[in-house]
Amino acid sequence: MRSVKLGYVGVLLGLLLLCFSTVAMAAYDPTEKILSRLQGAWYDSAGNVVLNFTGDTVNGCKIVGAYNPAGGSSDFSCLIRIIENGEYRDLPIVAENLGPDNYHAHVILNGDNRDENKGTLLMRTTTAQYQETVGGIGIDMPEKEVLAKYGQPDVIGIERGVPIWKYQSLGLELSMRHQRVWIIKILRNGNRHFDRTGFNCANAPYEFREAYSFNRVPAAGTFGAFCVGHGEYMWFDNYPNSITLSTFWN
């Protein structure tokens, strides 16, 4: 009799644990939060709407859920599972820079965090927006616009699988990804400068602080990023030999 009672207790405990785990899984379902970040139209380089998130649908297809999330609220990857023509279909995405007022919000359809060249990069706008530029070049500018302004680079290097366009006579290096400018570096031996201020590697750090309202004076070495607005950051790690403009904040 005692063993039967213990058996009942075990069954009840099992059912309770199952209920708790089910509730916990429902409570931590990331789908709603992820979809709230993705709402709206996302355009490819030709200006076509590739993904259009409206409520719990994308391109008119019902979204079942967001699975295998990794990352934070502004930068993450996941699988968006939809019902298309009566069948399940998974859309792997990598989302970048989804913070408020960020000019460089991206969704990379079929992207892979281990391969910067994989997938199709999509933006919230049909044309790139810039807070700061260097010689007319801004982050997310299509490579065809760079070529129209500067022609072919003197040298194309490869770093971690990413092409680096080097305009050596100008002291300008552009890291290219998905056929767009990703990172801009101005070198001390060139004549490029930041267009908003005219500053370059010859300007003193305190001048940058005053002009861009940095919260501290930049210094050579690994001291972090300095925000210039709308998701763009300057790095002075190798100052005065170079200054970098990118979307990286850490």
Protein backbone atom coordinates (compact mmCIF):
# COMPACT_ATOMS: atom_id res chain seq x y z
CA MET A 1 0.00 0.00 0.00
CA ARG A 2 2.82 2.34 0.90
CA SER A 3 4.50 1.68 -2.46
CA VAL A 4 1.24 2.46 -4.28
CA LYS A 5 0.93 5.79 -2.45
CA LEU A 6 4.53 6.61 -3.27
CA GLY A 7 3.77 5.79 -6.88
CA TYR A 8 0.83 8.21 -6.87
CA VAL A 9 3.02 10.88 -5.33
CA GLY A 10 5.65 10.30 -8.01
CA VAL A 11 3.07 10.63 -10.77
CA LEU A 12 1.69 13.82 -9.25
CA LEU A 13 5.17 15.30 -8.92
CA GLY A 14 5.88 14.38 -12.51
CA LEU A 15 2.71 16.07 -13.70
CA LEU A 16 3.49 19.18 -11.66
CA LEU A 17 7.01 19.36 -13.09
CA LEU A 18 5.61 18.97 -16.59
CA CYS A 19 3.15 21.79 -15.98
CA PHE A 20 5.86 24.03 -14.55
CA SER A 21 8.21 23.33 -17.44
CA THR A 22 5.44 24.02 -19.96
CA VAL A 23 4.59 27.32 -18.29
CA ALA A 24 8.26 28.24 -18.09
CA MET A 25 8.79 27.52 -21.78
CA ALA A 26 5.77 29.63 -22.67
CA ALA A 27 6.94 32.43 -20.39
CA TYR A 28 10.36 32.51 -22.08
CA ASP A 29 9.14 32.26 -25.67
CA PRO A 30 11.24 34.95 -27.43
CA THR A 31 9.02 35.20 -30.51
CA GLU A 32 7.01 38.28 -29.56
CA LYS A 33 10.09 40.25 -28.49
CA ILE A 34 12.05 39.30 -31.60
CA LEU A 35 9.20 40.16 -33.95
CA SER A 36 8.75 43.54 -32.28
CA ARG A 37 12.33 44.36 -33.31
CA LEU A 38 11.83 43.25 -36.91
CA GLN A 39 8.56 45.01 -37.76
CA GLY A 40 8.40 46.80 -41.10
CA ALA A 41 9.90 46.46 -44.55
CA TRP A 42 13.49 45.37 -45.23
CA TYR A 43 15.09 46.28 -48.56
CA ASP A 44 17.88 44.73 -50.62
CA SER A 45 20.53 46.69 -52.52
CA ALA A 46 18.22 47.04 -55.53
CA GLY A 47 15.50 48.67 -53.42
CA ASN A 48 13.23 45.62 -53.43
CA VAL A 49 11.25 44.64 -50.33
CA VAL A 50 12.56 41.18 -49.45
CA LEU A 51 11.04 40.83 -45.98
CA ASN A 52 7.99 42.67 -44.68
CA PHE A 53 7.09 41.94 -41.06
CA THR A 54 3.54 42.91 -40.11
CA GLY A 55 2.35 41.72 -36.72
CA ASP A 56 2.82 37.96 -36.62
CA THR A 57 3.29 37.59 -40.38
CA VAL A 58 6.15 38.08 -42.83
CA ASN A 59 5.41 38.61 -46.51
CA GLY A 60 1.84 37.61 -45.70
CA CYS A 61 2.85 34.23 -44.26
CA LYS A 62 1.93 33.26 -40.70
CA ILE A 63 4.91 33.13 -38.33
CA VAL A 64 4.92 30.02 -36.17
CA GLY A 65 7.75 31.17 -33.93
CA ALA A 66 11.34 32.35 -33.57
CA TYR A 67 13.68 29.51 -32.66
CA ASN A 68 17.30 29.00 -31.57
CA PRO A 69 17.83 32.64 -30.58
CA ALA A 70 21.36 33.76 -29.76
CA GLY A 71 22.63 37.20 -28.80
CA GLY A 72 20.98 40.23 -27.26
CA SER A 73 18.14 42.59 -28.05
CA SER A 74 19.88 44.61 -30.77
CA ASP A 75 22.20 41.98 -32.25
CA PHE A 76 20.97 38.42 -32.51
CA SER A 77 20.41 35.43 -34.76
CA CYS A 78 17.47 33.05 -34.97
CA LEU A 79 15.28 30.93 -37.21
CA ILE A 80 11.94 32.45 -38.19
CA ARG A 81 9.56 29.57 -38.94
CA ILE A 82 6.65 30.38 -41.22
CA ILE A 83 3.78 28.57 -42.92
CA GLU A 84 4.08 29.00 -46.68
CA ASN A 85 1.76 27.19 -49.09
CA GLY A 86 0.64 24.93 -46.26
CA GLU A 87 4.17 23.86 -45.33
CA TYR A 88 6.75 24.93 -42.76
CA ARG A 89 9.69 26.98 -43.97
CA ASP A 90 12.60 28.27 -41.89
CA LEU A 91 14.20 31.67 -42.52
CA PRO A 92 17.65 31.92 -40.88
CA ILE A 93 18.40 35.55 -40.03
CA VAL A 94 21.15 37.55 -38.40
CA ALA A 95 20.00 40.91 -37.03
CA GLU A 96 22.43 43.75 -36.35
CA ASN A 97 22.22 47.21 -34.82
CA LEU A 98 18.47 47.20 -34.16
CA GLY A 99 18.71 49.90 -31.51
CA PRO A 100 16.57 53.06 -31.75
CA ASP A 101 17.60 55.70 -34.32
CA ASN A 102 20.36 53.50 -35.71
CA TYR A 103 21.10 54.29 -39.36
CA HIS A 104 22.70 50.88 -39.84
CA ALA A 105 20.05 48.38 -38.77
CA HIS A 106 20.54 45.18 -40.78
CA VAL A 107 18.81 41.88 -41.27
CA ILE A 108 20.96 39.31 -43.07
CA LEU A 109 18.70 36.69 -44.61
CA ASN A 110 20.36 33.25 -44.65
CA GLY A 111 23.25 34.84 -42.77
CA ASP A 112 25.89 33.09 -40.69
CA ASN A 113 27.80 34.73 -37.82
CA ARG A 114 30.82 32.62 -38.75
CA ASP A 115 30.90 33.87 -42.35
CA GLU A 116 30.59 37.62 -43.00
CA ASN A 117 30.04 37.04 -46.72
CA LYS A 118 27.09 34.67 -46.44
CA GLY A 119 23.50 35.72 -46.97
CA THR A 120 21.69 38.80 -48.27
CA LEU A 121 22.01 42.04 -46.32
CA LEU A 122 18.76 43.99 -45.94
CA MET A 123 18.20 47.52 -44.63
CA ARG A 124 15.24 49.53 -43.37
CA THR A 125 15.74 52.16 -46.09
CA THR A 126 16.28 51.95 -49.84
CA THR A 127 19.37 54.16 -49.61
CA ALA A 128 22.06 54.28 -46.94
CA GLN A 129 22.06 57.03 -44.30
CA TYR A 130 25.21 58.48 -42.77
CA GLN A 131 26.00 60.39 -39.61
CA GLU A 132 29.66 60.86 -40.60
CA THR A 133 31.50 60.36 -43.87
CA VAL A 134 35.10 60.36 -45.06
CA GLY A 135 35.71 61.96 -48.43
CA GLY A 136 32.07 61.35 -49.30
CA ILE A 137 32.21 57.69 -48.27
CA GLY A 138 29.86 56.43 -45.55
CA ILE A 139 29.12 53.15 -43.81
CA ASP A 140 26.73 50.95 -45.86
CA MET A 141 27.51 52.80 -49.10
CA PRO A 142 27.19 50.36 -52.03
CA GLU A 143 30.49 49.42 -53.62
CA LYS A 144 29.33 50.73 -57.01
CA GLU A 145 29.04 54.22 -55.51
CA VAL A 146 32.54 53.93 -54.06
CA LEU A 147 33.87 52.91 -57.47
CA ALA A 148 32.08 55.85 -59.07
CA LYS A 149 33.79 58.25 -56.65
CA TYR A 150 37.25 56.72 -56.35
CA GLY A 151 37.69 54.07 -59.01
CA GLN A 152 39.35 50.74 -58.35
CA PRO A 153 41.47 50.52 -55.17
CA ASP A 154 45.25 50.33 -55.45
CA VAL A 155 45.26 47.06 -53.54
CA ILE A 156 42.59 44.64 -52.32
CA GLY A 157 43.67 42.72 -49.23
CA ILE A 158 41.81 40.04 -47.30
CA GLU A 159 41.50 40.01 -43.51
CA ARG A 160 39.44 37.26 -41.84
CA GLY A 161 37.76 36.61 -45.15
CA VAL A 162 36.72 40.25 -45.63
CA PRO A 163 38.03 42.31 -48.60
CA ILE A 164 39.93 45.48 -47.66
CA TRP A 165 40.00 48.12 -50.38
CA LYS A 166 43.19 50.13 -49.97
CA TYR A 167 43.54 53.53 -51.62
CA GLN A 168 47.16 53.91 -50.60
CA SER A 169 47.83 57.34 -52.10
CA LEU A 170 44.83 58.74 -50.20
CA GLY A 171 45.50 56.97 -46.90
CA LEU A 172 42.07 55.35 -47.01
CA GLU A 173 41.06 51.74 -46.29
CA LEU A 174 37.54 50.36 -46.67
CA SER A 175 36.45 47.00 -45.31
CA MET A 176 33.74 45.69 -47.64
CA ARG A 177 30.96 43.27 -46.75
CA HIS A 178 27.89 42.25 -48.76
CA GLN A 179 29.01 44.68 -51.50
CA ARG A 180 28.81 47.62 -49.07
CA VAL A 181 31.22 49.66 -46.97
CA TRP A 182 31.50 48.12 -43.52
CA ILE A 183 34.46 49.84 -41.85
CA ILE A 184 36.30 53.04 -42.81
CA LYS A 185 39.88 53.74 -41.76
CA ILE A 186 41.82 56.94 -42.40
CA LEU A 187 45.60 56.77 -42.20
CA ARG A 188 48.08 59.34 -41.03
CA ASN A 189 49.97 59.37 -44.32
CA GLY A 190 46.93 60.34 -46.40
CA ASN A 191 44.76 63.37 -47.07
CA ARG A 192 41.33 62.01 -46.09
CA HIS A 193 39.33 63.56 -43.25
CA PHE A 194 35.95 63.34 -41.56
CA ASP A 195 33.58 65.50 -43.56
CA ARG A 196 31.54 66.94 -40.68
CA THR A 197 34.55 68.50 -38.99
CA GLY A 198 37.45 68.27 -41.42
CA PHE A 199 39.38 66.39 -38.72
CA ASN A 200 41.92 63.67 -39.39
CA CYS A 201 44.87 62.00 -37.65
CA ALA A 202 46.62 65.37 -37.35
CA ASN A 203 43.99 66.74 -34.97
CA ALA A 204 44.48 66.51 -31.22
CA PRO A 205 42.25 64.15 -29.20
CA TYR A 206 40.73 67.00 -27.19
CA GLU A 207 39.52 68.56 -30.46
CA PHE A 208 37.56 65.41 -31.24
CA ARG A 209 36.02 65.44 -27.78
CA GLU A 210 34.84 69.03 -28.16
CA ALA A 211 33.58 68.67 -31.73
CA TYR A 212 31.74 65.37 -31.25
CA SER A 213 30.76 65.79 -27.58
CA PHE A 214 32.58 62.64 -26.48
CA ASN A 215 32.30 61.87 -22.76
CA ARG A 216 36.08 61.62 -22.47
CA VAL A 217 39.22 62.49 -24.41
CA PRO A 218 40.29 59.74 -26.85
CA ALA A 219 43.71 58.19 -26.36
CA ALA A 220 45.89 55.71 -28.20
CA GLY A 221 45.38 52.11 -27.16
CA THR A 222 42.35 49.95 -26.48
CA PHE A 223 40.07 52.40 -24.72
CA GLY A 224 36.79 51.60 -26.43
CA ALA A 225 34.53 53.30 -28.93
CA PHE A 226 33.43 56.93 -29.15
CA CYS A 227 29.87 57.50 -30.36
CA VAL A 228 29.30 60.07 -33.10
CA GLY A 229 25.56 59.32 -33.33
CA HIS A 230 23.01 57.07 -35.04
CA GLY A 231 24.99 53.89 -34.48
CA GLU A 232 28.40 55.10 -35.71
CA TYR A 233 31.56 54.97 -33.61
CA MET A 234 35.15 56.14 -33.87
CA TRP A 235 38.03 54.04 -32.61
CA PHE A 236 41.41 55.54 -31.71
CA ASP A 237 43.25 52.31 -30.88
CA ASN A 238 46.08 53.09 -33.33
CA TYR A 239 46.00 56.90 -33.06
CA PRO A 240 47.78 58.94 -34.41
CA ASN A 241 48.60 56.41 -37.14
CA SER A 242 44.94 55.79 -37.96
CA ILE A 243 41.33 56.38 -36.87
CA THR A 244 38.51 53.97 -37.63
CA LEU A 245 34.80 54.61 -38.20
CA SER A 246 32.48 51.62 -37.76
CA THR A 247 29.24 50.38 -36.23
CA PHE A 248 31.07 48.52 -33.45
CA TRP A 249 30.52 49.88 -29.96
CA ASN A 250 32.55 47.27 -28.06
